[in-house]
Each structure stands twice: as C-alpha cells, then as structure tokens.
Protein backbone atom coordinates (compact mmCIF):
# COMPACT_ATOMS: atom_id res chain seq x y z
CA MET A 1 -32.61 80.75 -4.18
CA PHE A 2 -31.03 82.45 -7.19
CA ASN A 3 -27.55 81.62 -8.39
CA LYS A 4 -25.97 85.04 -8.06
CA ASN A 5 -22.95 84.19 -10.19
CA GLU A 6 -25.18 83.46 -13.18
CA LYS A 7 -28.29 85.54 -12.84
CA LEU A 8 -27.99 88.42 -10.41
CA PRO A 9 -25.74 91.47 -10.84
CA SER A 10 -22.46 91.82 -9.01
CA VAL A 11 -22.62 95.62 -9.18
CA ILE A 12 -25.60 97.88 -8.47
CA LEU A 13 -24.93 101.31 -9.95
CA PHE A 14 -26.94 104.28 -8.64
CA ASP A 15 -27.59 107.65 -10.17
CA PHE A 16 -27.09 110.43 -7.61
CA GLY A 17 -29.51 113.25 -8.42
CA ALA A 18 -33.18 112.21 -7.88
CA VAL A 19 -32.44 108.49 -7.34
CA LEU A 20 -30.42 109.07 -4.15
CA VAL A 21 -30.53 112.74 -3.27
CA GLY A 22 -33.69 114.82 -3.01
CA LEU A 23 -33.85 117.85 -5.30
CA ASP A 24 -35.68 121.14 -4.65
CA LYS A 25 -35.51 123.18 -7.82
CA GLN A 26 -37.62 126.06 -6.57
CA ARG A 27 -35.57 126.48 -3.41
CA CYS A 28 -32.45 126.79 -5.58
CA ILE A 29 -34.15 129.33 -7.86
CA ASN A 30 -35.23 131.40 -4.86
CA ALA A 31 -31.70 131.30 -3.45
CA LEU A 32 -30.14 132.38 -6.75
CA GLN A 33 -32.57 135.28 -6.95
CA GLN A 34 -31.86 136.18 -3.33
CA VAL A 35 -28.16 136.75 -4.04
CA GLY A 36 -28.85 138.64 -7.28
CA LEU A 37 -28.47 135.81 -9.81
CA ASP A 38 -31.85 136.27 -11.51
CA ASN A 39 -30.20 135.98 -14.92
CA ILE A 40 -29.22 132.36 -14.41
CA ALA A 41 -32.12 131.21 -12.20
CA SER A 42 -34.06 130.19 -15.33
CA TYR A 43 -31.34 127.63 -16.14
CA VAL A 44 -32.36 125.65 -13.08
CA ASP A 45 -36.07 126.11 -13.81
CA GLU A 46 -35.64 124.73 -17.31
CA HIS A 47 -33.12 121.96 -16.48
CA ARG A 48 -30.80 123.42 -19.11
CA SER A 49 -27.42 121.69 -19.29
CA GLU A 50 -25.58 124.11 -21.54
CA ASP A 51 -23.22 126.95 -20.75
CA LEU A 52 -21.70 127.47 -17.31
CA PHE A 53 -23.63 124.67 -15.54
CA HIS A 54 -22.58 122.15 -18.17
CA ARG A 55 -18.94 123.21 -17.91
CA LEU A 56 -19.18 122.70 -14.16
CA GLU A 57 -20.46 119.15 -14.71
CA LEU A 58 -17.50 118.51 -16.99
CA GLY A 59 -15.00 119.41 -14.28
CA GLY A 60 -14.89 123.19 -14.42
CA SER A 61 -13.62 124.76 -11.22
CA ALA A 62 -15.96 126.22 -8.63
CA GLU A 63 -13.96 129.47 -8.75
CA VAL A 64 -14.54 129.92 -12.48
CA PHE A 65 -18.21 129.02 -12.10
CA CYS A 66 -18.68 131.58 -9.34
CA ARG A 67 -16.85 134.25 -11.33
CA GLU A 68 -18.95 133.64 -14.47
CA ALA A 69 -22.12 133.62 -12.39
CA ARG A 70 -21.15 136.92 -10.76
CA GLU A 71 -20.54 138.48 -14.17
CA ARG A 72 -24.18 137.72 -15.06
CA SER A 73 -25.62 138.93 -11.77
CA ASN A 74 -27.58 142.08 -11.14
CA GLY A 75 -26.08 142.36 -7.66
CA ASN A 76 -22.70 141.80 -6.09
CA PRO A 77 -22.68 138.26 -4.64
CA THR A 78 -19.56 136.73 -3.16
CA ASP A 79 -18.18 133.34 -4.21
CA ALA A 80 -19.55 131.89 -0.98
CA GLU A 81 -23.04 133.25 -1.73
CA VAL A 82 -23.00 131.84 -5.27
CA ALA A 83 -21.93 128.41 -4.01
CA TRP A 84 -24.50 128.53 -1.20
CA ALA A 85 -27.32 129.33 -3.64
CA TRP A 86 -26.31 126.51 -5.96
CA GLU A 87 -26.14 124.10 -3.00
CA GLN A 88 -29.81 124.74 -2.21
CA LEU A 89 -30.79 122.40 -5.07
CA LEU A 90 -29.90 119.35 -2.94
CA THR A 91 -32.01 118.53 0.11
CA GLY A 92 -30.36 115.34 1.34
CA VAL A 93 -30.33 111.56 1.02
CA PRO A 94 -33.11 109.83 3.01
CA LEU A 95 -31.78 107.58 5.74
CA GLN A 96 -33.91 104.70 4.40
CA LYS A 97 -31.95 104.79 1.14
CA LEU A 98 -28.59 104.78 2.92
CA GLN A 99 -29.67 101.86 5.11
CA ARG A 100 -30.82 99.86 2.09
CA ILE A 101 -27.48 100.44 0.32
CA ARG A 102 -25.58 99.15 3.37
CA GLN A 103 -27.88 96.11 3.45
CA LEU A 104 -27.08 95.41 -0.20
CA ARG A 105 -23.37 95.45 0.56
CA GLN A 106 -23.90 93.11 3.50
CA ARG A 107 -25.70 90.73 1.12
CA GLY A 108 -22.65 90.62 -1.13
CA TYR A 109 -23.46 93.21 -3.80
CA ARG A 110 -20.94 95.84 -4.77
CA THR A 111 -22.43 99.31 -4.99
CA ALA A 112 -21.34 102.42 -6.90
CA VAL A 113 -22.53 105.90 -7.85
CA LEU A 114 -22.59 107.26 -11.42
CA SER A 115 -23.60 110.90 -11.58
CA ASN A 116 -23.64 113.91 -13.88
CA THR A 117 -22.71 116.32 -11.10
CA ASN A 118 -20.18 118.95 -10.06
CA TRP A 119 -17.67 119.44 -7.29
CA ILE A 120 -19.81 122.01 -5.46
CA HIS A 121 -22.70 119.57 -5.10
CA TRP A 122 -20.56 116.53 -4.47
CA ASN A 123 -18.49 118.20 -1.76
CA GLN A 124 -21.76 119.33 -0.18
CA ALA A 125 -23.01 115.73 -0.27
CA LEU A 126 -19.82 114.43 1.35
CA ARG A 127 -20.05 117.08 4.03
CA ASP A 128 -23.77 116.88 4.84
CA PHE A 129 -25.42 113.72 3.52
CA PHE A 130 -23.18 110.69 4.14
CA SER A 131 -21.64 111.55 7.52
CA ILE A 132 -24.34 109.89 9.60
CA GLU A 133 -23.47 108.11 12.87
CA GLY A 134 -19.78 108.39 12.13
CA LEU A 135 -20.03 106.75 8.69
CA THR A 136 -18.43 107.98 5.46
CA ILE A 137 -19.04 107.55 1.75
CA ASP A 138 -16.83 104.43 1.81
CA ASP A 139 -19.36 102.71 4.07
CA TYR A 140 -21.98 102.95 1.32
CA PHE A 141 -20.15 102.64 -2.01
CA ASP A 142 -17.22 100.70 -3.43
CA HIS A 143 -16.61 103.39 -6.01
CA VAL A 144 -17.91 106.80 -7.11
CA PHE A 145 -17.97 107.87 -10.78
CA LEU A 146 -18.54 111.59 -11.30
CA SER A 147 -18.85 113.46 -14.58
CA CYS A 148 -16.78 116.32 -13.15
CA ASP A 149 -13.96 113.84 -12.48
CA LEU A 150 -14.27 111.76 -15.66
CA ARG A 151 -14.85 114.86 -17.88
CA MET A 152 -17.78 113.21 -19.67
CA VAL A 153 -21.47 112.92 -18.95
CA LYS A 154 -24.15 110.30 -19.24
CA PRO A 155 -25.32 108.87 -21.61
CA ASP A 156 -21.86 108.91 -23.28
CA PRO A 157 -21.09 105.17 -23.75
CA ARG A 158 -17.49 105.76 -22.63
CA ILE A 159 -18.65 106.57 -19.11
CA PHE A 160 -20.21 103.09 -18.82
CA GLU A 161 -17.01 101.56 -20.18
CA ALA A 162 -15.11 103.34 -17.41
CA VAL A 163 -17.46 101.82 -14.83
CA ALA A 164 -17.00 98.27 -16.12
CA ASP A 165 -13.21 98.65 -16.37
CA THR A 166 -12.86 100.07 -12.87
CA MET A 167 -15.24 97.60 -11.26
CA GLN A 168 -13.58 94.75 -13.22
CA CYS A 169 -16.85 93.23 -14.35
CA ARG A 170 -18.78 92.53 -17.53
CA PHE A 171 -21.49 94.93 -18.67
CA ASP A 172 -24.16 92.31 -18.07
CA GLU A 173 -23.08 92.03 -14.42
CA ILE A 174 -24.19 95.63 -13.76
CA LEU A 175 -27.67 96.86 -12.79
CA PHE A 176 -27.96 100.63 -13.37
CA ILE A 177 -30.75 102.64 -11.66
CA ASP A 178 -31.48 106.11 -13.10
CA ASP A 179 -34.40 108.53 -13.29
CA SER A 180 -33.48 109.42 -16.90
CA ALA A 181 -34.81 107.13 -19.63
CA ARG A 182 -32.14 108.48 -21.98
CA ASN A 183 -29.33 107.55 -19.60
CA CYS A 184 -30.83 104.08 -19.23
CA GLU A 185 -30.91 103.74 -23.00
CA GLY A 186 -27.21 104.67 -23.18
CA ALA A 187 -26.37 102.01 -20.60
CA ARG A 188 -28.46 99.36 -22.37
CA SER A 189 -26.53 100.04 -25.58
CA LYS A 190 -23.48 98.57 -23.80
CA GLY A 191 -25.38 95.54 -22.49
CA ILE A 192 -25.95 96.87 -18.97
CA HIS A 193 -29.18 95.97 -17.18
CA THR A 194 -31.17 99.11 -16.35
CA TYR A 195 -34.09 100.12 -14.19
CA HIS A 196 -35.80 103.41 -15.04
CA ASP A 197 -37.03 104.94 -11.77
CA PRO A 198 -38.56 108.40 -12.46
CA THR A 199 -39.54 108.93 -8.82
CA GLY A 200 -36.23 107.75 -7.37
CA ASN A 201 -38.11 105.69 -4.77
CA ASP A 202 -39.29 102.48 -6.44
CA TRP A 203 -35.89 100.79 -6.13
CA ILE A 204 -35.98 100.85 -2.31
CA GLY A 205 -38.66 98.19 -2.04
CA LEU A 206 -37.48 96.14 -5.02
CA THR A 207 -33.92 95.78 -3.72
CA ALA A 208 -35.16 94.32 -0.43
CA THR A 209 -35.06 90.83 -2.00
CA ASP A 210 -33.09 89.04 -4.69
CA GLU A 211 -36.38 88.35 -6.43
CA GLY A 212 -37.00 92.09 -6.60
CA ILE A 213 -33.57 92.71 -8.05
CA MET A 214 -34.21 90.02 -10.66
CA LYS A 215 -37.43 91.85 -11.57
CA MET A 216 -35.46 95.08 -11.98
CA MET A 217 -32.97 93.34 -14.29
CA GLN A 218 -35.84 92.29 -16.50
CA GLY A 219 -36.55 95.97 -17.05
CA ASN A 220 -39.60 98.18 -16.65
CA THR A 221 -42.67 96.61 -18.18
CA ALA A 222 -44.71 99.40 -19.72
CA GLN A 223 -48.49 99.14 -19.70
CA PRO A 224 -50.23 99.38 -23.08
CA SER A 225 -51.05 103.07 -23.31
CA ALA A 226 -52.58 105.95 -25.22
CA CYS A 227 -50.56 109.12 -25.35
CA ILE A 228 -50.66 112.85 -26.13
CA ILE A 229 -47.60 115.05 -26.68
CA GLY A 230 -47.25 118.80 -26.35
CA ASN A 231 -45.99 121.81 -24.42
CA PHE A 232 -49.49 122.23 -22.93
CA ASP A 233 -48.66 125.72 -21.69
CA GLY A 234 -51.76 126.94 -19.86
CA VAL A 235 -53.59 123.60 -20.14
CA HIS A 236 -56.37 125.58 -21.86
CA LEU A 237 -59.70 124.53 -23.41
CA GLY A 238 -57.98 123.22 -26.53
CA HIS A 239 -55.70 121.06 -24.42
CA ARG A 240 -58.61 119.91 -22.27
CA HIS A 241 -60.49 118.84 -25.40
CA ILE A 242 -57.65 116.56 -26.48
CA ILE A 243 -57.21 115.34 -22.89
CA ASN A 244 -60.87 114.35 -22.71
CA ARG A 245 -60.61 112.54 -26.05
CA LEU A 246 -57.55 110.68 -24.77
CA LYS A 247 -59.43 109.60 -21.65
CA GLU A 248 -62.28 108.33 -23.85
CA ILE A 249 -59.81 106.29 -25.93
CA GLY A 250 -58.21 104.92 -22.77
CA GLN A 251 -61.58 103.85 -21.40
CA GLU A 252 -62.81 102.39 -24.70
CA ARG A 253 -59.66 100.34 -25.27
CA ASN A 254 -58.57 99.72 -21.67
CA LEU A 255 -55.33 101.66 -22.14
CA HIS A 256 -53.18 103.55 -19.62
CA THR A 257 -53.22 107.28 -20.50
CA ILE A 258 -50.03 109.39 -20.62
CA ALA A 259 -49.41 113.08 -21.26
CA VAL A 260 -45.85 113.76 -22.44
CA THR A 261 -44.68 117.33 -22.07
CA PHE A 262 -41.44 119.30 -21.95
CA ASN A 263 -39.78 121.41 -19.29
CA THR A 264 -39.14 124.37 -21.59
CA HIS A 265 -40.12 125.79 -24.95
CA PRO A 266 -37.82 124.53 -27.77
CA ARG A 267 -37.15 128.11 -28.87
CA ALA A 268 -35.48 128.84 -25.51
CA LEU A 269 -32.82 126.28 -26.42
CA PHE A 270 -31.84 127.73 -29.79
CA ASP A 271 -32.60 131.45 -29.51
CA SER A 272 -30.51 133.17 -26.82
CA SER A 273 -32.54 136.37 -27.24
CA PHE A 274 -35.80 134.58 -26.41
CA THR A 275 -37.11 135.26 -22.91
CA PRO A 276 -39.74 132.66 -22.01
CA SER A 277 -43.04 133.92 -20.62
CA TYR A 278 -45.14 130.92 -19.72
CA LEU A 279 -48.82 130.79 -18.85
CA THR A 280 -47.98 128.02 -16.40
CA THR A 281 -44.78 127.06 -14.63
CA ILE A 282 -43.69 123.45 -15.01
CA GLU A 283 -45.15 122.71 -11.56
CA GLU A 284 -48.48 124.34 -12.40
CA LYS A 285 -48.66 122.62 -15.77
CA THR A 286 -47.98 119.12 -14.45
CA ALA A 287 -50.44 119.66 -11.57
CA LEU A 288 -53.20 120.74 -13.99
CA LEU A 289 -52.50 117.76 -16.25
CA ARG A 290 -52.71 115.35 -13.32
CA GLU A 291 -55.89 116.98 -12.04
CA SER A 292 -57.46 116.41 -15.47
CA GLY A 293 -57.68 112.69 -14.75
CA ILE A 294 -54.81 111.45 -16.94
CA ASP A 295 -53.10 108.40 -15.45
CA GLU A 296 -49.52 109.62 -15.89
CA VAL A 297 -47.61 112.80 -16.76
CA ARG A 298 -44.05 112.57 -18.09
CA VAL A 299 -41.84 115.67 -18.29
CA ILE A 300 -38.94 115.39 -20.73
CA PRO A 301 -35.97 117.77 -20.33
CA PHE A 302 -35.62 119.54 -23.70
CA THR A 303 -31.85 119.51 -24.32
CA ARG A 304 -29.81 119.93 -27.49
CA GLU A 305 -29.25 116.20 -27.53
CA PHE A 306 -32.97 115.50 -27.29
CA ALA A 307 -33.68 118.12 -29.96
CA GLY A 308 -31.60 116.03 -32.36
CA THR A 309 -33.93 113.02 -31.98
CA THR A 310 -35.99 112.29 -35.08
CA ALA A 311 -39.74 111.90 -34.78
CA ARG A 312 -39.51 108.25 -35.82
CA ASP A 313 -36.82 107.46 -33.23
CA PHE A 314 -38.83 109.23 -30.54
CA MET A 315 -41.90 107.22 -31.46
CA LYS A 316 -39.91 103.98 -31.54
CA TYR A 317 -37.67 104.23 -28.47
CA SER A 318 -39.52 106.58 -26.12
CA LEU A 319 -43.18 106.05 -26.98
CA ARG A 320 -43.36 102.42 -28.11
CA ASP A 321 -40.46 100.75 -26.27
CA GLU A 322 -40.39 102.75 -23.04
CA MET A 323 -44.02 103.81 -22.57
CA GLY A 324 -45.86 101.01 -24.39
CA VAL A 325 -47.80 103.46 -26.56
CA LYS A 326 -50.41 101.85 -28.81
CA VAL A 327 -52.36 105.03 -29.69
CA LEU A 328 -50.85 108.48 -30.25
CA LEU A 329 -53.37 111.34 -30.30
CA LEU A 330 -52.06 114.57 -31.81
CA GLY A 331 -53.42 118.09 -31.72
CA TYR A 332 -54.45 119.75 -34.98
CA ASP A 333 -51.14 121.67 -35.27
CA ASN A 334 -48.85 119.34 -33.33
CA ARG A 335 -45.27 118.91 -34.60
CA PHE A 336 -42.40 117.10 -32.92
CA GLY A 337 -39.01 115.63 -33.77
CA LYS A 338 -35.72 116.96 -35.09
CA ARG A 339 -35.74 120.50 -36.44
CA ASN A 340 -35.74 121.16 -40.18
CA MET A 341 -37.45 117.84 -40.91
CA ASP A 342 -40.34 118.32 -43.34
CA GLU A 343 -42.80 116.15 -41.43
CA ASP A 344 -46.52 116.46 -40.82
CA PHE A 345 -49.35 114.33 -39.52
CA HIS A 346 -49.18 112.02 -42.54
CA ALA A 347 -45.49 111.34 -41.84
CA TYR A 348 -46.25 110.50 -38.19
CA GLU A 349 -49.13 108.31 -39.36
CA GLN A 350 -46.77 106.37 -41.64
CA TYR A 351 -44.18 105.93 -38.89
CA GLY A 352 -46.96 104.66 -36.66
CA LYS A 353 -47.97 102.01 -39.20
CA GLU A 354 -44.37 100.80 -39.31
CA LEU A 355 -44.04 100.76 -35.51
CA GLY A 356 -47.46 99.45 -34.51
CA ILE A 357 -48.75 102.79 -33.17
CA GLU A 358 -52.13 104.10 -34.30
CA VAL A 359 -51.81 107.87 -34.87
CA LEU A 360 -55.00 109.93 -34.58
CA LEU A 361 -55.72 113.64 -35.09
CA ALA A 362 -57.86 115.77 -32.77
CA GLU A 363 -59.80 118.76 -34.06
CA ALA A 364 -59.18 122.35 -32.98
CA VAL A 365 -61.34 124.29 -30.51
CA ASP A 366 -62.76 127.77 -31.19
CA VAL A 367 -64.42 130.31 -28.91
CA GLU A 368 -66.46 133.38 -29.74
CA GLU A 369 -64.76 136.72 -29.11
CA GLN A 370 -66.42 139.99 -30.05
CA GLY A 371 -68.77 138.21 -32.44
CA GLU A 372 -66.06 136.18 -34.20
CA ASN A 373 -64.80 132.62 -33.83
CA VAL A 374 -61.22 132.56 -32.54
CA ARG A 375 -58.93 129.53 -32.38
CA VAL A 376 -57.92 128.71 -28.80
CA SER A 377 -54.13 128.56 -28.48
CA SER A 378 -51.46 129.35 -25.90
CA SER A 379 -50.11 132.20 -28.02
CA HIS A 380 -53.57 133.78 -28.32
CA ILE A 381 -54.09 133.57 -24.56
CA ARG A 382 -50.69 135.18 -23.96
CA HIS A 383 -51.80 138.01 -26.25
CA LEU A 384 -55.03 138.48 -24.29
CA ILE A 385 -53.20 138.57 -20.96
CA ALA A 386 -50.56 140.97 -22.31
CA GLU A 387 -53.42 143.36 -23.12
CA GLY A 388 -55.07 142.89 -19.72
CA ARG A 389 -58.11 141.16 -21.25
CA MET A 390 -58.47 138.80 -18.31
CA GLU A 391 -62.11 137.86 -18.83
CA GLU A 392 -61.45 136.72 -22.40
CA ALA A 393 -58.36 134.84 -21.22
CA THR A 394 -60.55 133.11 -18.64
CA GLN A 395 -62.92 132.03 -21.42
CA CYS A 396 -60.07 130.42 -23.38
CA LEU A 397 -58.39 128.86 -20.36
CA GLY A 398 -61.59 127.50 -18.87
CA ARG A 399 -60.41 128.95 -15.53
CA HIS A 400 -58.87 132.16 -14.22
CA PHE A 401 -55.25 132.93 -15.06
CA CYS A 402 -53.19 132.42 -11.89
CA VAL A 403 -49.86 133.56 -10.49
CA SER A 404 -48.37 131.83 -7.44
CA GLY A 405 -45.55 132.68 -5.09
CA THR A 406 -44.28 132.84 -1.55
CA VAL A 407 -45.38 135.85 0.52
CA VAL A 408 -42.39 138.08 1.32
CA HIS A 409 -41.96 141.24 3.36
CA GLY A 410 -42.69 144.51 1.59
CA HIS A 411 -42.53 148.21 2.51
CA GLU A 412 -45.82 148.10 4.50
CA GLU A 413 -47.15 151.39 3.07
CA GLY A 414 -50.39 149.54 2.34
CA ARG A 415 -50.73 148.50 5.97
CA ARG A 416 -50.24 152.08 7.10
CA MET A 417 -53.04 153.17 4.75
CA GLY A 418 -55.38 150.45 6.02
CA PHE A 419 -54.78 148.14 3.04
CA PRO A 420 -52.25 145.49 4.15
CA THR A 421 -50.90 143.51 1.22
CA ALA A 422 -49.42 140.08 0.62
CA ASN A 423 -46.42 140.54 -1.67
CA ILE A 424 -45.10 137.71 -3.82
CA MET A 425 -42.17 137.14 -6.18
CA PRO A 426 -43.18 134.79 -9.03
CA GLN A 427 -40.80 132.64 -11.04
CA PRO A 428 -38.80 134.68 -13.59
CA THR A 429 -40.27 132.87 -16.61
CA LYS A 430 -43.89 133.34 -15.54
CA LEU A 431 -46.03 135.62 -17.71
CA LEU A 432 -47.53 138.57 -15.82
CA PRO A 433 -50.52 140.73 -16.74
CA PRO A 434 -49.67 144.38 -17.59
CA ASN A 435 -49.20 146.88 -14.80
CA GLY A 436 -52.43 147.94 -13.16
CA ALA A 437 -55.06 147.10 -10.56
CA TYR A 438 -57.05 143.86 -10.79
CA GLU A 439 -59.93 142.11 -9.13
CA THR A 440 -58.55 138.79 -7.90
CA MET A 441 -59.28 135.71 -5.80
CA VAL A 442 -56.62 134.34 -3.45
CA THR A 443 -56.05 130.78 -2.29
CA VAL A 444 -53.59 129.88 0.46
CA GLU A 445 -51.68 126.68 -0.23
CA ARG A 446 -52.45 123.72 2.04
CA SER A 447 -55.52 125.48 3.35
CA ASP A 448 -59.10 124.24 3.27
CA ALA A 449 -60.43 127.80 3.19
CA ALA A 450 -62.40 128.93 0.14
CA PRO A 451 -60.78 131.43 -2.26
CA MET A 452 -60.86 134.93 -0.79
CA GLN A 453 -61.91 138.08 -2.66
CA ALA A 454 -59.04 140.52 -3.16
CA MET A 455 -57.56 143.22 -5.34
CA THR A 456 -54.03 143.07 -6.70
CA ASN A 457 -51.70 145.74 -7.99
CA ILE A 458 -48.90 144.94 -10.43
CA GLY A 459 -46.38 147.67 -11.09
CA TYR A 460 -43.52 149.88 -9.97
CA ARG A 461 -45.40 151.76 -7.22
CA PRO A 462 -45.08 155.15 -8.98
CA THR A 463 -46.67 157.05 -6.10
CA PHE A 464 -43.69 156.15 -3.88
CA LYS A 465 -41.03 156.49 -6.64
CA ASP A 466 -38.71 153.95 -5.04
CA GLU A 467 -39.13 150.72 -6.99
CA LYS A 468 -36.77 149.39 -9.65
CA ALA A 469 -38.52 146.05 -10.06
CA ILE A 470 -42.14 145.11 -10.60
CA THR A 471 -44.05 144.26 -7.43
CA ILE A 472 -47.19 142.15 -7.00
CA GLU A 473 -49.19 143.37 -4.00
CA THR A 474 -52.52 141.85 -3.00
CA ASN A 475 -55.01 143.19 -0.48
CA ILE A 476 -57.23 140.33 0.70
CA PHE A 477 -60.61 141.56 1.89
CA ASP A 478 -61.63 140.89 5.50
CA PHE A 479 -58.50 138.78 6.16
CA THR A 480 -56.59 138.84 9.41
CA GLY A 481 -53.59 136.66 9.92
CA ASP A 482 -49.93 136.15 9.03
CA LEU A 483 -49.18 134.97 5.48
CA TYR A 484 -45.42 135.54 5.51
CA ASP A 485 -43.49 132.60 3.99
CA LYS A 486 -46.76 130.94 2.95
CA ASP A 487 -47.46 130.10 -0.70
CA ILE A 488 -50.52 131.76 -2.21
CA THR A 489 -52.18 131.60 -5.62
CA ILE A 490 -53.71 134.74 -7.12
CA ALA A 491 -56.49 134.20 -9.70
CA PHE A 492 -57.04 137.24 -11.94
CA VAL A 493 -60.71 137.99 -12.58
CA ARG A 494 -60.58 141.31 -14.44
CA LYS A 495 -58.56 144.49 -14.79
CA ILE A 496 -59.93 147.48 -12.86
CA ARG A 497 -57.63 150.28 -14.08
CA ASP A 498 -54.15 151.06 -15.34
CA GLU A 499 -51.27 151.80 -13.00
CA GLN A 500 -51.04 155.48 -12.14
CA ALA A 501 -49.08 157.88 -9.94
CA PHE A 502 -51.03 159.81 -7.31
CA PRO A 503 -50.06 163.23 -5.94
CA SER A 504 -50.16 161.99 -2.35
CA THR A 505 -50.54 158.93 -0.18
CA GLU A 506 -54.01 160.11 0.81
CA ALA A 507 -55.06 160.35 -2.86
CA LEU A 508 -53.88 156.78 -3.35
CA ARG A 509 -55.80 155.66 -0.26
CA GLN A 510 -59.01 157.23 -1.58
CA GLN A 511 -58.54 155.44 -4.91
CA LEU A 512 -57.99 152.12 -3.13
CA ILE A 513 -61.28 152.64 -1.29
CA LYS A 514 -63.03 153.17 -4.64
CA ASP A 515 -61.29 150.10 -6.11
CA ARG A 516 -62.44 147.97 -3.18
CA GLU A 517 -66.03 149.20 -3.49
CA GLU A 518 -66.03 148.42 -7.20
CA VAL A 519 -64.69 144.91 -6.65
CA ARG A 520 -67.17 144.19 -3.87
CA GLY A 521 -70.07 145.41 -6.01
CA PHE A 522 -69.08 143.55 -9.19
CA LYS A 523 -71.19 140.52 -10.06
CA LEU A 524 -69.54 137.67 -11.93
C-alpha cells in the first residue's frame, strides 16, 4: 500500500473540455450556420482562441458576446439563438467519469476542475451535465477554477498558483490531467505532476487504483518514434511518398510512427483578409493520415502563442521530450518554427544533432501534365480544382477530390423533373470546384454499399433565379431511399459543362437527360 502523504497527490485537478465533457465541433459549426453566424463558424473549426471567443474565456459577458456575434452575422439571430448555437459544442459528461470522480473523493482525494471556458458553457454544464440523480457540482468537486472567473487562461503560471493557494497544498501534491500538452508543460514548470490525456479517456482506468495514479504521476512515457510534420492538406501523392518513407524507417528501426499536423493554415492566424480554402477538412485530413498506416496522428492547435515557439524549442519540448522522437523526416520544402527566423534544413539538422534527433530530408514528387513534369503540391492541386481540372487533380491526389456533408432539404425542383437530388452544405473553409455540372461518385457514411454513380451541380441555380448562396445538388443514379440527415461523400470524377441558365424548366430537364447519358457512357 502506498503512503499517500508522501507519494500520492492530495489533489487531482481535471481539465473540463475534452477530459471531462465531450465536444462536438461540427455540431456547433452547423448550429452557428443555422442561425446565420457563418462568419464566425470558422473560429470553431480552426480552434482559434483570439477575438470574441477569447474575450469570453477571459470573463467577457454573454450579452457582449452575443451582440458582437450578431454584428458579424448574415442573418438576424437573437441572443438566445447565439447562446444556443454556442452551447452545441458540448455534448455532456459521461456518467462513468462522474462516478469515477465520486469514487476518488470517497478514497480521500480532493478533486477540482481547471478550465479555459466561458460562462455560457459553464452554466450549461451546471444545468445539464452535473444534475444527475439529485446531485450537484459540489458532489463531484471541492473547487472549480474557471478562466472566465480568474481572468487568465492556461498555461499562464499564475493560474496554477491560484489553484495551489486555494487548495492550500504544495505544487507537488497536485496531479493535473489535461488533453493539451502545452497546458501540461505550463503546470510542470511550477512543479505540478501532469498526465497528458489527448483522448480524455485514459485517466478513467488509471485512477481506479492508487498504483494507476502513481503511474500517472510518473508522467507519460513516450515510445521511441519517427515523425513527420506538415499541414498535409489533401494528403496527396507527395505526402504519401513521405508517409511511406516514414513507415519504412519505422519498420527498419522498430520505431513508433507519428504524423504531426495543424488545425489551420498559419496564414489564417496572421492575415485577417485570408479566407482558408482547404482540400481537406481537419476531420478528412486526420482520417486519411490514419488510413495511410501511420501509428499516430497528432493535431496541434495553431495559436499565436504556438506560433512564437522556435523550431529548436519545438524539437526539444514537443518532439523529443513529449513524443520521444528519434528521427524527424522533413519534406523537401518543409519549414516550421517561429516566423522571421532564417532557418532551413541545415539549421534543423544542427538542432537535431544537439538534441539527439536524426533529421532526414525526403525528395519531391513530380507528375506529368500535358507533356511536362509538374511538382505535386497542395497549392498546385488547389489551382487545378479552381479551374475544374478534376482528372489532373485526381492524378496528383492519388484519389478523387471529395466534398462531404449532411443531406438537407432543398427546393425539390429536381424531384419534380424526375431528377431528385441530395443537397449538402459543406464546411465553410472547404474548397469547392467552380460552378458547373460534374460526373461524381457518392458514398453514404456508415454504409457497406459501393460508391454510386451520380452527377452533381454546383452553382446558384440560374434557371430558377432564386438562390443567393451556392448549392451542391447531386442526382444519384438508380437510387431510391431517404438520405435526409445522412452524411454523404461526393467524389468528383470530371467536369461535364459550365453552369448555365436555361429558358425553361423543360429545357433544363432535357439537358439533365443528356448529362446523365454522357456520364453513363463515359469510360474511366
């Protein structure tokens, strides 16, 4: 039996978001768009902490937040609608987690929450997540520390000082559980024991025993690993080449393989006029990376604070100390670290020698286009898609370009013409091909059915002259069934024709018949 006074913590400190509460980013984005807040939906998608969301975390009032959000809206939402949409980010605290926290208290541990959150979310949590079987927040935690109350956010060292002072304990008597490696690093700088739990679920099993808690206090033990870093937008042939080389290194040297990527493009952080148009959403990108056979994918929120990290510090603290990186494989044009630093591969190589990380360089990948060799890159693929050159984009991606979304109700003109369509609304930062008609293949999420042949129209529906926003309408051949509220993925094979206005609905119907015949007769 352990001597708790000497070895085990007296306080177990929990992060709220991700470690306790479940988060559904896409549901929040959809809700913001539903009430006309498209202009700020991307802040949730990119995990950005600046501007109005950050002020809310620092104690800004819900009324001011709602007013500022309304000023940026393209509709006329009420305060209640703004707050409701923002609340959709939180899905609840699993009962298993609440039961384990009560068990910890019964075993003599003091428990507390430390969260970068806001009053809208916290009041929602008090109302909906902790009032189970007549219990309240006091039945689970001795104290709650909120950024919106303390007016400072993790990893500010002062916030950990406030915890120790209030709980009347030493730093080394605290075990802090957080999904953010950066927040854990801030706590460790004060002498607090930390456990980095990216999934928010590992701690449940470990806290079942004192032995497990002792293991957590000893910190996460990273496996020796080989690593690649990049935005990996599109996960194209160039990316797949470096991924395959990483897997070879991992196999040759018996190393765990990790792909480190970022939730947004760095330019989106510093250039307010920049509107991101990604080949892949963060969900699509991470799924493609995992499907490639890499052991682990880590997504780092690209914040202003992170942007100030030097390449050497990133290699030392994040790669070597946290991830156990022994080999770092870089793409031919890969750059990382603090802006305005004149660093290149040779600088990274030197840092690696000092830190015990072998830094290697992967060669570029070219494809032949119109008789010339062209370097495969995300920017080149975006250019191809922007011009509707879907077949050449497919060659560079190594797969069809895809757009996913939930099927929503449309105007049903297609159904009345004998061409029922599945209409989707993609994420606001997703790149779209230019307006026009396309041959496509459709996959229904969580379905074992093979991809279905279809044709998709992107545009403003000029024949009907009633659209202010772009629509994506897909007619799936020989399909009968209800797709409403289901998620589908549309793979773009080739462009058939440009968008055009027809003199009548019948003229449009005749063109759709021709489009369908052309798609059916085309041989890949």
